[in-house]
Amino acid sequence: MAIGFCVKCRKKVEIKTPQEVTLKNGRKALKGSCPSCGTPVYVFVKAK
């Protein structure tokens, strides 16, 4: 269960179908979509 902030809905939402991705700068993040509007939502993951 990953919680992220949807900028379109302006509220915290539970990310639908989260996937772990690596961004261009090397940081890890969870990428998914907002369940109500479908806007992409990203959440950074802590480095271990």
N, C-alpha and C. Protein backbone atom coordinates (compact mmCIF):
# COMPACT_ATOMS: atom_id res chain seq x y z
N MET A 1 0.85 -1.17 0.00
CA MET A 1 0.00 0.00 0.00
C MET A 1 0.89 1.24 0.00
N ALA A 2 0.82 2.00 -1.07
CA ALA A 2 1.62 3.21 -1.20
C ALA A 2 0.69 4.42 -1.28
N ILE A 3 1.00 5.43 -0.48
CA ILE A 3 0.21 6.65 -0.46
C ILE A 3 1.01 7.75 -1.14
N GLY A 4 0.38 8.46 -2.06
CA GLY A 4 1.03 9.57 -2.75
C GLY A 4 0.09 10.75 -2.84
N PHE A 5 0.61 11.88 -3.32
CA PHE A 5 -0.19 13.09 -3.44
C PHE A 5 -0.55 13.31 -4.90
N CYS A 6 -1.84 13.38 -5.19
CA CYS A 6 -2.32 13.65 -6.55
C CYS A 6 -2.43 15.17 -6.70
N VAL A 7 -1.68 15.73 -7.66
CA VAL A 7 -1.70 17.18 -7.83
C VAL A 7 -2.99 17.66 -8.49
N LYS A 8 -3.67 16.81 -9.22
CA LYS A 8 -4.92 17.20 -9.87
C LYS A 8 -6.07 17.21 -8.87
N CYS A 9 -6.16 16.17 -8.02
CA CYS A 9 -7.21 16.08 -7.00
C CYS A 9 -6.87 16.91 -5.77
N ARG A 10 -5.58 17.22 -5.57
CA ARG A 10 -5.07 17.95 -4.41
C ARG A 10 -5.37 17.25 -3.09
N LYS A 11 -5.13 15.93 -3.09
CA LYS A 11 -5.29 15.16 -1.86
C LYS A 11 -4.40 13.92 -1.91
N LYS A 12 -4.19 13.32 -0.75
CA LYS A 12 -3.42 12.09 -0.67
C LYS A 12 -4.30 10.93 -1.11
N VAL A 13 -3.75 10.06 -1.96
CA VAL A 13 -4.50 8.93 -2.48
C VAL A 13 -3.64 7.67 -2.41
N GLU A 14 -4.29 6.53 -2.43
CA GLU A 14 -3.58 5.26 -2.50
C GLU A 14 -3.26 5.00 -3.97
N ILE A 15 -1.99 4.73 -4.26
CA ILE A 15 -1.55 4.57 -5.65
C ILE A 15 -2.08 3.27 -6.22
N LYS A 16 -2.68 3.38 -7.41
CA LYS A 16 -3.22 2.21 -8.11
C LYS A 16 -2.11 1.63 -8.98
N THR A 17 -1.89 0.34 -8.92
CA THR A 17 -0.86 -0.42 -9.65
C THR A 17 0.53 0.19 -9.53
N PRO A 18 1.09 0.24 -8.29
CA PRO A 18 2.43 0.83 -8.13
C PRO A 18 3.52 -0.05 -8.73
N GLN A 19 4.51 0.60 -9.37
CA GLN A 19 5.67 -0.09 -9.93
C GLN A 19 6.91 0.66 -9.47
N GLU A 20 7.97 -0.08 -9.14
CA GLU A 20 9.21 0.58 -8.75
C GLU A 20 10.00 0.92 -10.00
N VAL A 21 10.40 2.18 -10.12
CA VAL A 21 11.15 2.65 -11.27
C VAL A 21 12.39 3.39 -10.79
N THR A 22 13.38 3.52 -11.69
CA THR A 22 14.58 4.30 -11.41
C THR A 22 14.53 5.54 -12.30
N LEU A 23 14.61 6.71 -11.68
CA LEU A 23 14.56 7.97 -12.42
C LEU A 23 15.90 8.26 -13.08
N LYS A 24 15.95 9.28 -13.93
CA LYS A 24 17.17 9.62 -14.67
C LYS A 24 18.34 9.95 -13.75
N ASN A 25 18.05 10.54 -12.59
CA ASN A 25 19.12 10.92 -11.67
C ASN A 25 19.54 9.76 -10.76
N GLY A 26 18.96 8.57 -10.93
CA GLY A 26 19.36 7.40 -10.17
C GLY A 26 18.51 7.11 -8.94
N ARG A 27 17.58 8.00 -8.60
CA ARG A 27 16.73 7.77 -7.43
C ARG A 27 15.65 6.74 -7.74
N LYS A 28 15.27 5.98 -6.73
CA LYS A 28 14.20 5.01 -6.86
C LYS A 28 12.88 5.69 -6.51
N ALA A 29 11.81 5.30 -7.21
CA ALA A 29 10.49 5.87 -6.95
C ALA A 29 9.43 4.84 -7.26
N LEU A 30 8.25 5.03 -6.70
CA LEU A 30 7.08 4.24 -7.05
C LEU A 30 6.23 5.05 -8.01
N LYS A 31 5.87 4.45 -9.13
CA LYS A 31 5.06 5.11 -10.13
C LYS A 31 3.73 4.38 -10.23
N GLY A 32 2.66 5.14 -10.25
CA GLY A 32 1.33 4.56 -10.39
C GLY A 32 0.37 5.61 -10.88
N SER A 33 -0.91 5.39 -10.61
CA SER A 33 -1.90 6.36 -11.04
C SER A 33 -2.92 6.59 -9.94
N CYS A 34 -3.59 7.72 -10.02
CA CYS A 34 -4.63 8.08 -9.05
C CYS A 34 -5.87 7.25 -9.38
N PRO A 35 -6.50 6.63 -8.39
CA PRO A 35 -7.68 5.81 -8.67
C PRO A 35 -8.90 6.62 -9.11
N SER A 36 -8.98 7.90 -8.77
CA SER A 36 -10.18 8.66 -9.12
C SER A 36 -10.06 9.39 -10.46
N CYS A 37 -8.85 9.95 -10.78
CA CYS A 37 -8.74 10.72 -12.02
C CYS A 37 -7.77 10.13 -13.04
N GLY A 38 -6.90 9.21 -12.62
CA GLY A 38 -5.98 8.56 -13.54
C GLY A 38 -4.68 9.30 -13.78
N THR A 39 -4.44 10.40 -13.08
CA THR A 39 -3.22 11.18 -13.23
C THR A 39 -2.03 10.38 -12.68
N PRO A 40 -0.86 10.42 -13.36
CA PRO A 40 0.32 9.72 -12.82
C PRO A 40 0.73 10.29 -11.46
N VAL A 41 1.08 9.38 -10.54
CA VAL A 41 1.50 9.76 -9.18
C VAL A 41 2.84 9.10 -8.91
N TYR A 42 3.80 9.89 -8.43
CA TYR A 42 5.13 9.37 -8.08
C TYR A 42 5.38 9.59 -6.60
N VAL A 43 6.08 8.61 -5.98
CA VAL A 43 6.51 8.72 -4.59
C VAL A 43 7.94 8.24 -4.52
N PHE A 44 8.82 9.05 -3.95
CA PHE A 44 10.21 8.66 -3.80
C PHE A 44 10.34 7.60 -2.72
N VAL A 45 11.27 6.65 -2.94
CA VAL A 45 11.53 5.56 -2.00
C VAL A 45 12.85 5.86 -1.30
N LYS A 46 12.91 5.62 0.00
CA LYS A 46 14.14 5.86 0.76
C LYS A 46 15.26 4.96 0.26
N ALA A 47 16.46 5.51 0.22
CA ALA A 47 17.63 4.70 -0.11
C ALA A 47 18.01 3.87 1.11
N LYS A 48 18.47 2.65 0.88
CA LYS A 48 18.77 1.76 1.99
C LYS A 48 20.14 1.95 2.51
